[in-house]
């Protein structure tokens, strides 16, 4: 346990700044209220909590006329609509999606444990973190993944509201064929796209991976800030701890075999 604690201390020490977050995210807590979730769009979005419409009235979030959070608000600026949401409890929730000219996707994954993706569902871990802070960078590389069950499903890569790539199954339909390449992984059970996206004139961009209009994940890229998303540190730490524990188990097993 001492080594695990030391490992955690080192990771916390190098984790960097805490930038102002907006857009897609992963909520890692299992109980209690959510952090204040902040989203930007050009119009008032449609909000879905676990697939059900969420409404905001008088600073309170409602689903089916039941209060689910506060403070919640739409704040219109000269350029954007800022949506802020704080759920009263994260328990039992899986997704919070916002739809406007582009999507934002928030997933609830206590201790970075994600549910199985299901048929042609997005696989989230290769895509983490869902918020990238890329000041002083001119490009970002993102991996998108999904289970590969329905071979003729439509798949899309979208930047903000612009279609970059589309496929039917693995067959390329739209976009630059050199850029828009899908690869099979895990003995053909998984499909992946790895893309390097270049900074344009926008301060922020959203990159969406969508399967047949049903399953999606969005990465929010901020070109004005530096730092790390909470899931970047926590999910990496979880993986390191599992690797460390597996190493210890292997050493103990090897020692027993010697005796």
Protein backbone atom coordinates (compact mmCIF):
# COMPACT_ATOMS: atom_id res chain seq x y z
CA UNK A 1 0.00 0.00 0.00
CA UNK A 2 2.92 2.36 0.65
CA UNK A 3 4.04 2.01 -2.96
CA UNK A 4 0.49 2.67 -4.21
CA UNK A 5 0.26 5.80 -2.02
CA UNK A 6 3.60 7.01 -3.32
CA UNK A 7 2.44 6.41 -6.88
CA UNK A 8 -0.71 8.45 -6.27
CA UNK A 9 1.31 11.28 -4.71
CA UNK A 10 3.60 11.50 -7.71
CA UNK A 11 0.66 11.56 -10.13
CA UNK A 12 -1.09 14.31 -8.15
CA UNK A 13 2.12 16.34 -8.07
CA UNK A 14 2.50 16.35 -11.85
CA UNK A 15 -1.17 16.63 -12.77
CA UNK A 16 -0.86 20.30 -13.72
CA UNK A 17 -3.33 23.13 -13.61
CA UNK A 18 -7.07 22.94 -13.04
CA UNK A 19 -8.58 24.65 -16.10
CA UNK A 20 -12.13 25.96 -16.36
CA UNK A 21 -14.08 23.05 -17.78
CA UNK A 22 -16.76 23.14 -20.44
CA UNK A 23 -18.35 20.58 -22.74
CA UNK A 24 -17.92 16.83 -22.61
CA UNK A 25 -16.72 15.18 -19.42
CA UNK A 26 -16.68 12.11 -17.19
CA UNK A 27 -18.18 12.36 -13.69
CA UNK A 28 -16.21 9.99 -11.47
CA UNK A 29 -18.02 10.26 -8.12
CA UNK A 30 -20.48 7.57 -7.04
CA UNK A 31 -22.61 9.53 -4.54
CA UNK A 32 -23.54 13.10 -3.77
CA UNK A 33 -24.08 16.01 -6.15
CA UNK A 34 -22.34 16.36 -9.47
CA UNK A 35 -19.75 19.04 -10.09
CA UNK A 36 -21.10 22.12 -11.84
CA UNK A 37 -21.24 21.06 -15.49
CA UNK A 38 -20.79 23.82 -18.05
CA UNK A 39 -21.56 23.76 -21.77
CA UNK A 40 -21.41 26.30 -24.60
CA UNK A 41 -23.57 26.39 -27.72
CA UNK A 42 -24.92 28.88 -30.22
CA UNK A 43 -28.53 28.15 -29.27
CA UNK A 44 -30.43 26.81 -26.27
CA UNK A 45 -29.80 23.05 -26.32
CA UNK A 46 -32.08 20.08 -25.87
CA UNK A 47 -30.90 18.23 -22.76
CA UNK A 48 -31.20 14.48 -22.19
CA UNK A 49 -30.57 12.88 -18.80
CA UNK A 50 -30.37 9.11 -19.31
CA UNK A 51 -32.34 9.57 -22.52
CA UNK A 52 -35.17 11.62 -20.95
CA UNK A 53 -35.75 15.30 -21.70
CA UNK A 54 -34.49 17.65 -18.99
CA UNK A 55 -36.02 21.10 -18.58
CA UNK A 56 -34.64 24.12 -16.75
CA UNK A 57 -36.99 26.55 -15.02
CA UNK A 58 -36.24 29.19 -12.37
CA UNK A 59 -32.77 27.81 -11.72
CA UNK A 60 -33.92 24.20 -11.24
CA UNK A 61 -33.51 21.12 -13.46
CA UNK A 62 -36.55 18.89 -13.95
CA UNK A 63 -37.11 15.50 -15.58
CA UNK A 64 -40.77 14.48 -15.91
CA UNK A 65 -41.68 17.34 -13.52
CA UNK A 66 -39.36 15.93 -10.86
CA UNK A 67 -36.56 18.12 -9.53
CA UNK A 68 -33.18 16.55 -10.27
CA UNK A 69 -30.75 19.40 -9.71
CA UNK A 70 -29.89 23.01 -8.93
CA UNK A 71 -28.44 25.44 -9.71
CA UNK A 72 -29.25 25.04 -13.39
CA UNK A 73 -29.38 27.86 -15.92
CA UNK A 74 -29.21 29.11 -19.48
CA UNK A 75 -27.19 32.31 -19.78
CA UNK A 76 -27.28 34.00 -23.17
CA UNK A 77 -24.29 36.13 -24.15
CA UNK A 78 -23.74 38.15 -27.30
CA UNK A 79 -22.12 35.11 -28.89
CA UNK A 80 -23.16 31.92 -27.07
CA UNK A 81 -25.56 30.26 -24.69
CA UNK A 82 -23.87 29.04 -21.51
CA UNK A 83 -25.69 26.08 -19.94
CA UNK A 84 -24.81 25.22 -16.34
CA UNK A 85 -26.13 22.12 -14.58
CA UNK A 86 -25.53 20.64 -11.15
CA UNK A 87 -27.38 17.42 -10.40
CA UNK A 88 -28.49 16.88 -6.81
CA UNK A 89 -27.27 13.28 -6.94
CA UNK A 90 -25.13 11.36 -9.41
CA UNK A 91 -26.36 7.99 -8.13
CA UNK A 92 -27.95 5.83 -10.80
CA UNK A 93 -27.23 8.17 -13.70
CA UNK A 94 -25.34 7.09 -16.83
CA UNK A 95 -25.42 9.92 -19.37
CA UNK A 96 -26.14 13.63 -19.74
CA UNK A 97 -26.22 14.73 -23.39
CA UNK A 98 -26.81 18.20 -24.83
CA UNK A 99 -27.92 18.68 -28.44
CA UNK A 100 -27.70 21.96 -30.32
CA UNK A 101 -25.64 22.74 -33.43
CA UNK A 102 -23.24 20.19 -31.92
CA UNK A 103 -23.47 17.59 -29.17
CA UNK A 104 -21.85 17.48 -25.75
CA UNK A 105 -21.61 14.14 -23.91
CA UNK A 106 -21.14 13.64 -20.17
CA UNK A 107 -20.83 10.11 -18.79
CA UNK A 108 -21.17 8.97 -15.18
CA UNK A 109 -18.49 6.38 -14.41
CA UNK A 110 -17.68 6.02 -10.70
CA UNK A 111 -14.00 5.12 -10.22
CA UNK A 112 -13.63 5.14 -14.01
CA UNK A 113 -15.66 1.95 -14.43
CA UNK A 114 -17.68 2.06 -17.65
CA UNK A 115 -20.57 -0.25 -18.61
CA UNK A 116 -20.22 -2.67 -21.49
CA UNK A 117 -20.87 -0.81 -24.74
CA UNK A 118 -23.49 -3.17 -26.16
CA UNK A 119 -23.94 -3.87 -29.89
CA UNK A 120 -22.21 -1.14 -31.91
CA UNK A 121 -21.86 1.00 -28.81
CA UNK A 122 -19.00 3.42 -28.34
CA UNK A 123 -16.10 2.19 -26.20
CA UNK A 124 -15.07 5.12 -24.05
CA UNK A 125 -11.71 4.30 -22.51
CA UNK A 126 -9.60 4.65 -25.69
CA UNK A 127 -11.06 8.15 -26.15
CA UNK A 128 -10.30 9.53 -22.68
CA UNK A 129 -10.00 12.25 -21.63
CA UNK A 130 -13.15 13.75 -23.09
CA UNK A 131 -11.87 17.27 -22.36
CA UNK A 132 -8.51 18.28 -23.86
CA UNK A 133 -6.70 21.52 -23.01
CA UNK A 134 -4.28 22.20 -25.85
CA UNK A 135 -2.92 25.73 -25.47
CA UNK A 136 0.42 26.09 -27.29
CA UNK A 137 -0.46 23.07 -29.45
CA UNK A 138 -1.57 23.12 -33.05
CA UNK A 139 -3.04 19.63 -33.24
CA UNK A 140 -4.69 16.94 -31.16
CA UNK A 141 -4.81 13.17 -31.73
CA UNK A 142 -7.99 11.36 -30.70
CA UNK A 143 -8.84 7.65 -30.76
CA UNK A 144 -12.47 6.65 -31.19
CA UNK A 145 -13.65 3.07 -30.74
CA UNK A 146 -16.84 1.01 -30.89
CA UNK A 147 -17.89 -2.61 -30.76
CA UNK A 148 -18.32 -4.00 -34.27
CA UNK A 149 -21.54 -5.99 -34.54
CA UNK A 150 -23.82 -4.59 -37.24
CA UNK A 151 -21.52 -4.61 -40.25
CA UNK A 152 -23.69 -2.21 -42.30
CA UNK A 153 -24.23 0.49 -39.66
CA UNK A 154 -23.45 4.11 -40.50
CA UNK A 155 -20.49 5.66 -38.68
CA UNK A 156 -19.55 9.34 -38.60
CA UNK A 157 -16.79 11.71 -37.52
CA UNK A 158 -18.05 15.28 -37.06
CA UNK A 159 -16.14 18.44 -36.11
CA UNK A 160 -18.54 20.93 -34.54
CA UNK A 161 -21.35 20.82 -37.13
CA UNK A 162 -19.21 19.73 -40.10
CA UNK A 163 -19.15 16.13 -41.34
CA UNK A 164 -15.54 15.00 -41.79
CA UNK A 165 -15.93 11.25 -42.44
CA UNK A 166 -18.65 8.68 -42.91
CA UNK A 167 -18.69 4.94 -43.49
CA UNK A 168 -21.19 2.15 -44.06
CA UNK A 169 -19.66 -0.68 -42.12
CA UNK A 170 -15.98 -0.32 -43.00
CA UNK A 171 -16.68 1.11 -46.46
CA UNK A 172 -15.63 4.73 -46.82
CA UNK A 173 -18.43 7.04 -48.05
CA UNK A 174 -17.47 10.68 -47.35
CA UNK A 175 -14.33 12.61 -46.47
CA UNK A 176 -10.63 12.39 -47.27
CA UNK A 177 -9.95 8.66 -47.82
CA UNK A 178 -6.41 8.96 -46.47
CA UNK A 179 -7.67 10.54 -43.25
CA UNK A 180 -10.93 8.60 -42.89
CA UNK A 181 -9.61 5.12 -42.17
CA UNK A 182 -11.18 2.57 -39.85
CA UNK A 183 -9.24 -0.38 -38.43
CA UNK A 184 -10.50 -3.59 -36.85
CA UNK A 185 -9.18 -4.51 -33.40
CA UNK A 186 -9.59 -7.33 -30.92
CA UNK A 187 -10.07 -10.09 -33.50
CA UNK A 188 -12.63 -8.07 -35.43
CA UNK A 189 -14.86 -7.35 -32.44
CA UNK A 190 -13.93 -3.68 -32.27
CA UNK A 191 -13.49 -0.88 -34.79
CA UNK A 192 -11.24 2.14 -34.21
CA UNK A 193 -10.48 5.47 -35.80
CA UNK A 194 -7.33 7.40 -34.90
CA UNK A 195 -7.27 10.95 -36.19
CA UNK A 196 -4.98 13.95 -35.82
CA UNK A 197 -7.04 17.14 -35.95
CA UNK A 198 -5.45 20.53 -36.57
CA UNK A 199 -6.28 23.78 -34.84
CA UNK A 200 -8.36 26.18 -36.92
CA UNK A 201 -9.54 29.70 -36.07
CA UNK A 202 -11.85 28.57 -33.26
CA UNK A 203 -10.94 28.77 -29.59
CA UNK A 204 -12.78 25.51 -28.98
CA UNK A 205 -13.77 22.54 -31.11
CA UNK A 206 -15.91 19.46 -30.57
CA UNK A 207 -15.12 16.14 -32.25
CA UNK A 208 -17.94 13.58 -32.39
CA UNK A 209 -17.86 9.84 -33.08
CA UNK A 210 -21.38 8.65 -33.88
CA UNK A 211 -22.79 5.21 -34.64
CA UNK A 212 -26.07 5.09 -36.60
CA UNK A 213 -27.39 8.17 -34.77
CA UNK A 214 -27.83 6.11 -31.59
CA UNK A 215 -24.47 5.86 -29.83
CA UNK A 216 -22.01 8.74 -29.63
CA UNK A 217 -19.15 10.33 -27.74
CA UNK A 218 -17.78 13.85 -28.13
CA UNK A 219 -14.34 15.17 -27.23
CA UNK A 220 -14.22 18.88 -26.31
CA UNK A 221 -10.93 20.56 -27.25
CA UNK A 222 -9.99 23.92 -25.72
CA UNK A 223 -7.09 25.64 -27.49
CA UNK A 224 -6.88 28.48 -24.91
CA UNK A 225 -6.08 26.61 -21.68
CA UNK A 226 -3.59 24.10 -20.32
CA UNK A 227 -4.19 21.39 -17.74
CA UNK A 228 -5.77 17.98 -17.37
CA UNK A 229 -9.31 16.66 -17.05
CA UNK A 230 -10.07 14.76 -13.80
CA UNK A 231 -10.60 11.50 -15.70
CA UNK A 232 -7.15 11.83 -17.27
CA UNK A 233 -5.54 11.52 -13.87
CA UNK A 234 -8.02 9.19 -12.15
CA UNK A 235 -8.45 6.69 -14.98
CA UNK A 236 -4.70 6.59 -15.61
CA UNK A 237 -4.14 6.08 -11.88
CA UNK A 238 -6.68 3.26 -11.77
CA UNK A 239 -4.92 1.54 -14.66
CA UNK A 240 -1.51 1.96 -13.01
CA UNK A 241 -2.80 0.54 -9.72
CA UNK A 242 -4.22 -2.52 -11.48
CA UNK A 243 -0.92 -3.00 -13.31
CA UNK A 244 0.97 -2.67 -10.03
CA UNK A 245 -1.30 -5.16 -8.24
CA UNK A 246 -1.01 -7.61 -11.13
CA UNK A 247 2.78 -7.25 -10.89
CA UNK A 248 2.67 -8.07 -7.14
CA UNK A 249 0.39 -11.07 -7.73
CA UNK A 250 2.77 -12.37 -10.41
CA UNK A 251 5.79 -11.96 -8.10
CA UNK A 252 4.01 -13.82 -5.28
CA UNK A 253 3.00 -16.61 -7.66
CA UNK A 254 6.54 -16.89 -9.02
CA UNK A 255 7.94 -17.03 -5.48
CA UNK A 256 5.56 -19.86 -4.55
CA UNK A 257 6.56 -21.82 -7.64
CA UNK A 258 10.24 -21.54 -6.65
CA UNK A 259 9.44 -23.14 -3.30
